[in-house]
Amino acid sequence: METLIGATVEDAETFGIRGTPSFAIDGELLSDVHGWEALQPQIQSRLDSSAGTGSQLDSPSELSDDSAFSLE
């Protein structure tokens, strides 16, 4: 628990997080991204720019509460 709290405080200070949910990718706090609908295109654009990954994220309607996905 102490590790999680320490990481949370460190991330809040590093990224200037003022509320949740907040998301950062590659060390950049994403502005006005507070849910899957705004986060998914941010992740997808980074996957698309990766050389030949061909990865595709599931849309929210395809995910169930117990679904898991990988960005690898």
PDB file of N, CA and C in Angstrom:
ATOM      1  N   MET A   1       0.821  -1.183   0.000  1.00  0.00           N
ATOM      2  CA  MET A   1       0.000   0.000   0.000  1.00  0.00           C
ATOM      3  C   MET A   1       0.875   1.260   0.000  1.00  0.00           C
ATOM      4  N   GLU A   2       1.950   1.244   0.764  1.00  0.00           N
ATOM      5  CA  GLU A   2       2.844   2.402   0.809  1.00  0.00           C
ATOM      6  C   GLU A   2       3.486   2.667  -0.545  1.00  0.00           C
ATOM      7  N   THR A   3       3.809   1.607  -1.281  1.00  0.00           N
ATOM      8  CA  THR A   3       4.388   1.760  -2.617  1.00  0.00           C
ATOM      9  C   THR A   3       3.395   2.423  -3.560  1.00  0.00           C
ATOM     10  N   LEU A   4       2.146   1.992  -3.511  1.00  0.00           N
ATOM     11  CA  LEU A   4       1.106   2.563  -4.365  1.00  0.00           C
ATOM     12  C   LEU A   4       0.874   4.036  -4.029  1.00  0.00           C
ATOM     13  N   ILE A   5       0.801   4.344  -2.754  1.00  0.00           N
ATOM     14  CA  ILE A   5       0.595   5.735  -2.342  1.00  0.00           C
ATOM     15  C   ILE A   5       1.782   6.590  -2.775  1.00  0.00           C
ATOM     16  N   GLY A   6       2.992   6.099  -2.587  1.00  0.00           N
ATOM     17  CA  GLY A   6       4.193   6.837  -2.995  1.00  0.00           C
ATOM     18  C   GLY A   6       4.218   7.094  -4.493  1.00  0.00           C
ATOM     19  N   ALA A   7       3.862   6.088  -5.284  1.00  0.00           N
ATOM     20  CA  ALA A   7       3.830   6.244  -6.743  1.00  0.00           C
ATOM     21  C   ALA A   7       2.761   7.243  -7.154  1.00  0.00           C
ATOM     22  N   THR A   8       1.621   7.216  -6.485  1.00  0.00           N
ATOM     23  CA  THR A   8       0.533   8.140  -6.787  1.00  0.00           C
ATOM     24  C   THR A   8       0.944   9.574  -6.509  1.00  0.00           C
ATOM     25  N   VAL A   9       1.552   9.803  -5.362  1.00  0.00           N
ATOM     26  CA  VAL A   9       2.008  11.151  -4.998  1.00  0.00           C
ATOM     27  C   VAL A   9       3.089  11.619  -5.969  1.00  0.00           C
ATOM     28  N   GLU A  10       4.028  10.743  -6.299  1.00  0.00           N
ATOM     29  CA  GLU A  10       5.099  11.101  -7.233  1.00  0.00           C
ATOM     30  C   GLU A  10       4.542  11.458  -8.611  1.00  0.00           C
ATOM     31  N   ASP A  11       3.613  10.662  -9.109  1.00  0.00           N
ATOM     32  CA  ASP A  11       3.001  10.955 -10.411  1.00  0.00           C
ATOM     33  C   ASP A  11       2.226  12.269 -10.374  1.00  0.00           C
ATOM     34  N   ALA A  12       1.512  12.521  -9.295  1.00  0.00           N
ATOM     35  CA  ALA A  12       0.754  13.776  -9.170  1.00  0.00           C
ATOM     36  C   ALA A  12       1.695  14.963  -9.235  1.00  0.00           C
ATOM     37  N   GLU A  13       2.828  14.865  -8.567  1.00  0.00           N
ATOM     38  CA  GLU A  13       3.807  15.953  -8.587  1.00  0.00           C
ATOM     39  C   GLU A  13       4.488  16.071  -9.948  1.00  0.00           C
ATOM     40  N   THR A  14       4.880  14.950 -10.520  1.00  0.00           N
ATOM     41  CA  THR A  14       5.581  14.951 -11.812  1.00  0.00           C
ATOM     42  C   THR A  14       4.723  15.512 -12.931  1.00  0.00           C
ATOM     43  N   PHE A  15       3.470  15.079 -12.985  1.00  0.00           N
ATOM     44  CA  PHE A  15       2.597  15.453 -14.093  1.00  0.00           C
ATOM     45  C   PHE A  15       1.670  16.618 -13.772  1.00  0.00           C
ATOM     46  N   GLY A  16       1.668  17.092 -12.562  1.00  0.00           N
ATOM     47  CA  GLY A  16       0.775  18.185 -12.190  1.00  0.00           C
ATOM     48  C   GLY A  16      -0.681  17.773 -12.176  1.00  0.00           C
ATOM     49  N   ILE A  17      -0.947  16.542 -11.787  1.00  0.00           N
ATOM     50  CA  ILE A  17      -2.312  16.026 -11.775  1.00  0.00           C
ATOM     51  C   ILE A  17      -3.097  16.695 -10.658  1.00  0.00           C
ATOM     52  N   ARG A  18      -4.263  17.201 -11.015  1.00  0.00           N
ATOM     53  CA  ARG A  18      -5.112  17.902 -10.055  1.00  0.00           C
ATOM     54  C   ARG A  18      -6.392  17.138  -9.753  1.00  0.00           C
ATOM     55  N   GLY A  19      -6.689  16.093 -10.513  1.00  0.00           N
ATOM     56  CA  GLY A  19      -7.908  15.333 -10.289  1.00  0.00           C
ATOM     57  C   GLY A  19      -7.851  14.000 -11.005  1.00  0.00           C
ATOM     58  N   THR A  20      -8.849  13.182 -10.747  1.00  0.00           N
ATOM     59  CA  THR A  20      -8.905  11.875 -11.383  1.00  0.00           C
ATOM     60  C   THR A  20     -10.227  11.723 -12.120  1.00  0.00           C
ATOM     61  N   PRO A  21     -10.270  10.927 -13.145  1.00  0.00           N
ATOM     62  CA  PRO A  21      -9.116  10.225 -13.688  1.00  0.00           C
ATOM     63  C   PRO A  21      -8.274  11.156 -14.556  1.00  0.00           C
ATOM     64  N   SER A  22      -6.998  10.922 -14.549  1.00  0.00           N
ATOM     65  CA  SER A  22      -6.047  11.628 -15.410  1.00  0.00           C
ATOM     66  C   SER A  22      -5.143  10.587 -16.039  1.00  0.00           C
ATOM     67  N   PHE A  23      -4.689  10.851 -17.251  1.00  0.00           N
ATOM     68  CA  PHE A  23      -3.876   9.892 -17.972  1.00  0.00           C
ATOM     69  C   PHE A  23      -2.641  10.571 -18.539  1.00  0.00           C
ATOM     70  N   ALA A  24      -1.532   9.850 -18.503  1.00  0.00           N
ATOM     71  CA  ALA A  24      -0.291  10.307 -19.117  1.00  0.00           C
ATOM     72  C   ALA A  24       0.229   9.174 -19.991  1.00  0.00           C
ATOM     73  N   ILE A  25       0.759   9.547 -21.141  1.00  0.00           N
ATOM     74  CA  ILE A  25       1.378   8.583 -22.048  1.00  0.00           C
ATOM     75  C   ILE A  25       2.740   9.142 -22.416  1.00  0.00           C
ATOM     76  N   ASP A  26       3.762   8.303 -22.337  1.00  0.00           N
ATOM     77  CA  ASP A  26       5.126   8.689 -22.684  1.00  0.00           C
ATOM     78  C   ASP A  26       5.553   9.964 -21.959  1.00  0.00           C
ATOM     79  N   GLY A  27       5.185  10.071 -20.692  1.00  0.00           N
ATOM     80  CA  GLY A  27       5.593  11.206 -19.886  1.00  0.00           C
ATOM     81  C   GLY A  27       4.838  12.489 -20.134  1.00  0.00           C
ATOM     82  N   GLU A  28       3.746  12.421 -20.889  1.00  0.00           N
ATOM     83  CA  GLU A  28       2.951  13.611 -21.215  1.00  0.00           C
ATOM     84  C   GLU A  28       1.544  13.461 -20.646  1.00  0.00           C
ATOM     85  N   LEU A  29       1.144  14.417 -19.800  1.00  0.00           N
ATOM     86  CA  LEU A  29      -0.217  14.427 -19.270  1.00  0.00           C
ATOM     87  C   LEU A  29      -1.160  14.795 -20.409  1.00  0.00           C
ATOM     88  N   LEU A  30      -2.183  13.987 -20.613  1.00  0.00           N
ATOM     89  CA  LEU A  30      -3.125  14.231 -21.696  1.00  0.00           C
ATOM     90  C   LEU A  30      -4.179  15.227 -21.236  1.00  0.00           C
ATOM     91  N   SER A  31      -4.282  16.313 -21.930  1.00  0.00           N
ATOM     92  CA  SER A  31      -5.216  17.375 -21.602  1.00  0.00           C
ATOM     93  C   SER A  31      -6.629  16.982 -22.021  1.00  0.00           C
ATOM     94  N   ASP A  32      -7.600  17.220 -21.165  1.00  0.00           N
ATOM     95  CA  ASP A  32      -9.017  16.956 -21.447  1.00  0.00           C
ATOM     96  C   ASP A  32      -9.303  15.504 -21.809  1.00  0.00           C
ATOM     97  N   VAL A  33      -8.530  14.582 -21.249  1.00  0.00           N
ATOM     98  CA  VAL A  33      -8.763  13.151 -21.456  1.00  0.00           C
ATOM     99  C   VAL A  33      -9.113  12.568 -20.089  1.00  0.00           C
ATOM    100  N   HIS A  34     -10.406  12.250 -19.911  1.00  0.00           N
ATOM    101  CA  HIS A  34     -10.863  11.793 -18.609  1.00  0.00           C
ATOM    102  C   HIS A  34     -11.715  10.534 -18.683  1.00  0.00           C
ATOM    103  N   GLY A  35     -11.709   9.873 -19.826  1.00  0.00           N
ATOM    104  CA  GLY A  35     -12.483   8.643 -19.979  1.00  0.00           C
ATOM    105  C   GLY A  35     -12.032   7.887 -21.215  1.00  0.00           C
ATOM    106  N   TRP A  36     -12.581   6.679 -21.379  1.00  0.00           N
ATOM    107  CA  TRP A  36     -12.165   5.808 -22.481  1.00  0.00           C
ATOM    108  C   TRP A  36     -12.397   6.438 -23.851  1.00  0.00           C
ATOM    109  N   GLU A  37     -13.512   7.132 -24.039  1.00  0.00           N
ATOM    110  CA  GLU A  37     -13.825   7.701 -25.352  1.00  0.00           C
ATOM    111  C   GLU A  37     -12.736   8.659 -25.822  1.00  0.00           C
ATOM    112  N   ALA A  38     -12.127   9.404 -24.914  1.00  0.00           N
ATOM    113  CA  ALA A  38     -11.041  10.326 -25.274  1.00  0.00           C
ATOM    114  C   ALA A  38      -9.671   9.652 -25.209  1.00  0.00           C
ATOM    115  N   LEU A  39      -9.520   8.652 -24.338  1.00  0.00           N
ATOM    116  CA  LEU A  39      -8.232   7.976 -24.179  1.00  0.00           C
ATOM    117  C   LEU A  39      -7.935   7.019 -25.329  1.00  0.00           C
ATOM    118  N   GLN A  40      -8.934   6.274 -25.774  1.00  0.00           N
ATOM    119  CA  GLN A  40      -8.722   5.258 -26.812  1.00  0.00           C
ATOM    120  C   GLN A  40      -8.077   5.825 -28.075  1.00  0.00           C
ATOM    121  N   PRO A  41      -8.527   6.962 -28.618  1.00  0.00           N
ATOM    122  CA  PRO A  41      -7.868   7.484 -29.820  1.00  0.00           C
ATOM    123  C   PRO A  41      -6.417   7.921 -29.557  1.00  0.00           C
ATOM    124  N   GLN A  42      -6.134   8.381 -28.356  1.00  0.00           N
ATOM    125  CA  GLN A  42      -4.763   8.770 -28.011  1.00  0.00           C
ATOM    126  C   GLN A  42      -3.839   7.548 -28.043  1.00  0.00           C
ATOM    127  N   ILE A  43      -4.307   6.457 -27.441  1.00  0.00           N
ATOM    128  CA  ILE A  43      -3.518   5.221 -27.440  1.00  0.00           C
ATOM    129  C   ILE A  43      -3.410   4.669 -28.857  1.00  0.00           C
ATOM    130  N   GLN A  44      -4.533   4.642 -29.576  1.00  0.00           N
ATOM    131  CA  GLN A  44      -4.542   4.074 -30.919  1.00  0.00           C
ATOM    132  C   GLN A  44      -3.604   4.818 -31.847  1.00  0.00           C
ATOM    133  N   SER A  45      -3.557   6.151 -31.751  1.00  0.00           N
ATOM    134  CA  SER A  45      -2.668   6.916 -32.626  1.00  0.00           C
ATOM    135  C   SER A  45      -1.215   6.573 -32.350  1.00  0.00           C
ATOM    136  N   ARG A  46      -0.884   6.293 -31.095  1.00  0.00           N
ATOM    137  CA  ARG A  46       0.490   5.901 -30.777  1.00  0.00           C
ATOM    138  C   ARG A  46       0.779   4.496 -31.268  1.00  0.00           C
ATOM    139  N   LEU A  47      -0.200   3.608 -31.190  1.00  0.00           N
ATOM    140  CA  LEU A  47      -0.014   2.267 -31.748  1.00  0.00           C
ATOM    141  C   LEU A  47       0.163   2.335 -33.262  1.00  0.00           C
ATOM    142  N   ASP A  48      -0.652   3.174 -33.906  1.00  0.00           N
ATOM    143  CA  ASP A  48      -0.575   3.314 -35.356  1.00  0.00           C
ATOM    144  C   ASP A  48       0.773   3.864 -35.799  1.00  0.00           C
ATOM    145  N   SER A  49       1.365   4.739 -34.995  1.00  0.00           N
ATOM    146  CA  SER A  49       2.639   5.344 -35.381  1.00  0.00           C
ATOM    147  C   SER A  49       3.822   4.421 -35.113  1.00  0.00           C
ATOM    148  N   SER A  50       3.595   3.345 -34.348  1.00  0.00           N
ATOM    149  CA  SER A  50       4.647   2.357 -34.112  1.00  0.00           C
ATOM    150  C   SER A  50       4.812   1.532 -35.380  1.00  0.00           C
ATOM    151  N   ALA A  51       6.016   1.274 -35.731  1.00  0.00           N
ATOM    152  CA  ALA A  51       6.316   0.589 -36.998  1.00  0.00           C
ATOM    153  C   ALA A  51       5.683  -0.791 -37.069  1.00  0.00           C
ATOM    154  N   GLY A  52       4.673  -0.919 -37.940  1.00  0.00           N
ATOM    155  CA  GLY A  52       4.105  -2.209 -38.303  1.00  0.00           C
ATOM    156  C   GLY A  52       3.464  -3.015 -37.196  1.00  0.00           C
ATOM    157  N   THR A  53       2.972  -2.385 -36.155  1.00  0.00           N
ATOM    158  CA  THR A  53       2.388  -3.180 -35.078  1.00  0.00           C
ATOM    159  C   THR A  53       1.068  -3.799 -35.480  1.00  0.00           C
ATOM    160  N   GLY A  54       0.263  -3.081 -36.228  1.00  0.00           N
ATOM    161  CA  GLY A  54      -1.036  -3.593 -36.626  1.00  0.00           C
ATOM    162  C   GLY A  54      -1.972  -3.823 -35.457  1.00  0.00           C
ATOM    163  N   SER A  55      -1.651  -3.246 -34.308  1.00  0.00           N
ATOM    164  CA  SER A  55      -2.484  -3.430 -33.116  1.00  0.00           C
ATOM    165  C   SER A  55      -3.737  -2.589 -33.205  1.00  0.00           C
ATOM    166  N   GLN A  56      -4.799  -3.104 -32.646  1.00  0.00           N
ATOM    167  CA  GLN A  56      -6.080  -2.392 -32.629  1.00  0.00           C
ATOM    168  C   GLN A  56      -6.684  -2.559 -31.246  1.00  0.00           C
ATOM    169  N   LEU A  57      -7.109  -1.457 -30.639  1.00  0.00           N
ATOM    170  CA  LEU A  57      -7.779  -1.518 -29.345  1.00  0.00           C
ATOM    171  C   LEU A  57      -9.255  -1.813 -29.539  1.00  0.00           C
ATOM    172  N   ASP A  58      -9.831  -2.511 -28.572  1.00  0.00           N
ATOM    173  CA  ASP A  58     -11.265  -2.789 -28.599  1.00  0.00           C
ATOM    174  C   ASP A  58     -12.039  -1.522 -28.285  1.00  0.00           C
ATOM    175  N   SER A  59     -13.181  -1.374 -28.915  1.00  0.00           N
ATOM    176  CA  SER A  59     -14.059  -0.259 -28.572  1.00  0.00           C
ATOM    177  C   SER A  59     -14.730  -0.571 -27.245  1.00  0.00           C
ATOM    178  N   PRO A  60     -15.217   0.455 -26.537  1.00  0.00           N
ATOM    179  CA  PRO A  60     -15.842   0.204 -25.241  1.00  0.00           C
ATOM    180  C   PRO A  60     -17.006  -0.768 -25.316  1.00  0.00           C
ATOM    181  N   SER A  61     -17.736  -0.781 -26.412  1.00  0.00           N
ATOM    182  CA  SER A  61     -18.880  -1.675 -26.529  1.00  0.00           C
ATOM    183  C   SER A  61     -18.449  -3.133 -26.658  1.00  0.00           C
ATOM    184  N   GLU A  62     -17.186  -3.369 -27.033  1.00  0.00           N
ATOM    185  CA  GLU A  62     -16.688  -4.729 -27.166  1.00  0.00           C
ATOM    186  C   GLU A  62     -16.064  -5.238 -25.873  1.00  0.00           C
ATOM    187  N   LEU A  63     -15.914  -4.363 -24.892  1.00  0.00           N
ATOM    188  CA  LEU A  63     -15.296  -4.751 -23.636  1.00  0.00           C
ATOM    189  C   LEU A  63     -16.363  -5.062 -22.605  1.00  0.00           C
ATOM    190  N   SER A  64     -16.175  -6.150 -21.894  1.00  0.00           N
ATOM    191  CA  SER A  64     -17.051  -6.434 -20.767  1.00  0.00           C
ATOM    192  C   SER A  64     -16.319  -6.023 -19.501  1.00  0.00           C
ATOM    193  N   ASP A  65     -17.009  -6.034 -18.391  1.00  0.00           N
ATOM    194  CA  ASP A  65     -16.406  -5.622 -17.135  1.00  0.00           C
ATOM    195  C   ASP A  65     -15.183  -6.445 -16.774  1.00  0.00           C
ATOM    196  N   ASP A  66     -15.133  -7.697 -17.192  1.00  0.00           N
ATOM    197  CA  ASP A  66     -14.006  -8.537 -16.842  1.00  0.00           C
ATOM    198  C   ASP A  66     -13.008  -8.710 -17.994  1.00  0.00           C
ATOM    199  N   SER A  67     -13.132  -7.875 -19.037  1.00  0.00           N
ATOM    200  CA  SER A  67     -12.225  -7.958 -20.174  1.00  0.00           C
ATOM    201  C   SER A  67     -10.868  -7.372 -19.812  1.00  0.00           C
ATOM    202  N   ALA A  68      -9.868  -7.903 -20.460  1.00  0.00           N
ATOM    203  CA  ALA A  68      -8.510  -7.368 -20.326  1.00  0.00           C
ATOM    204  C   ALA A  68      -7.956  -7.223 -21.729  1.00  0.00           C
ATOM    205  N   PHE A  69      -7.123  -6.222 -21.938  1.00  0.00           N
ATOM    206  CA  PHE A  69      -6.473  -6.073 -23.224  1.00  0.00           C
ATOM    207  C   PHE A  69      -5.033  -5.694 -22.991  1.00  0.00           C
ATOM    208  N   SER A  70      -4.211  -5.931 -23.983  1.00  0.00           N
ATOM    209  CA  SER A  70      -2.778  -5.666 -23.874  1.00  0.00           C
ATOM    210  C   SER A  70      -2.390  -4.658 -24.927  1.00  0.00           C
ATOM    211  N   LEU A  71      -1.475  -3.773 -24.574  1.00  0.00           N
ATOM    212  CA  LEU A  71      -0.957  -2.791 -25.520  1.00  0.00           C
ATOM    213  C   LEU A  71       0.352  -3.253 -26.113  1.00  0.00           C
ATOM    214  N   GLU A  72       0.731  -4.496 -25.858  1.00  0.00           N
ATOM    215  CA  GLU A  72       1.988  -5.020 -26.374  1.00  0.00           C
ATOM    216  C   GLU A  72       1.819  -5.518 -27.781  1.00  0.00           C
TER     217      GLU A  72
END
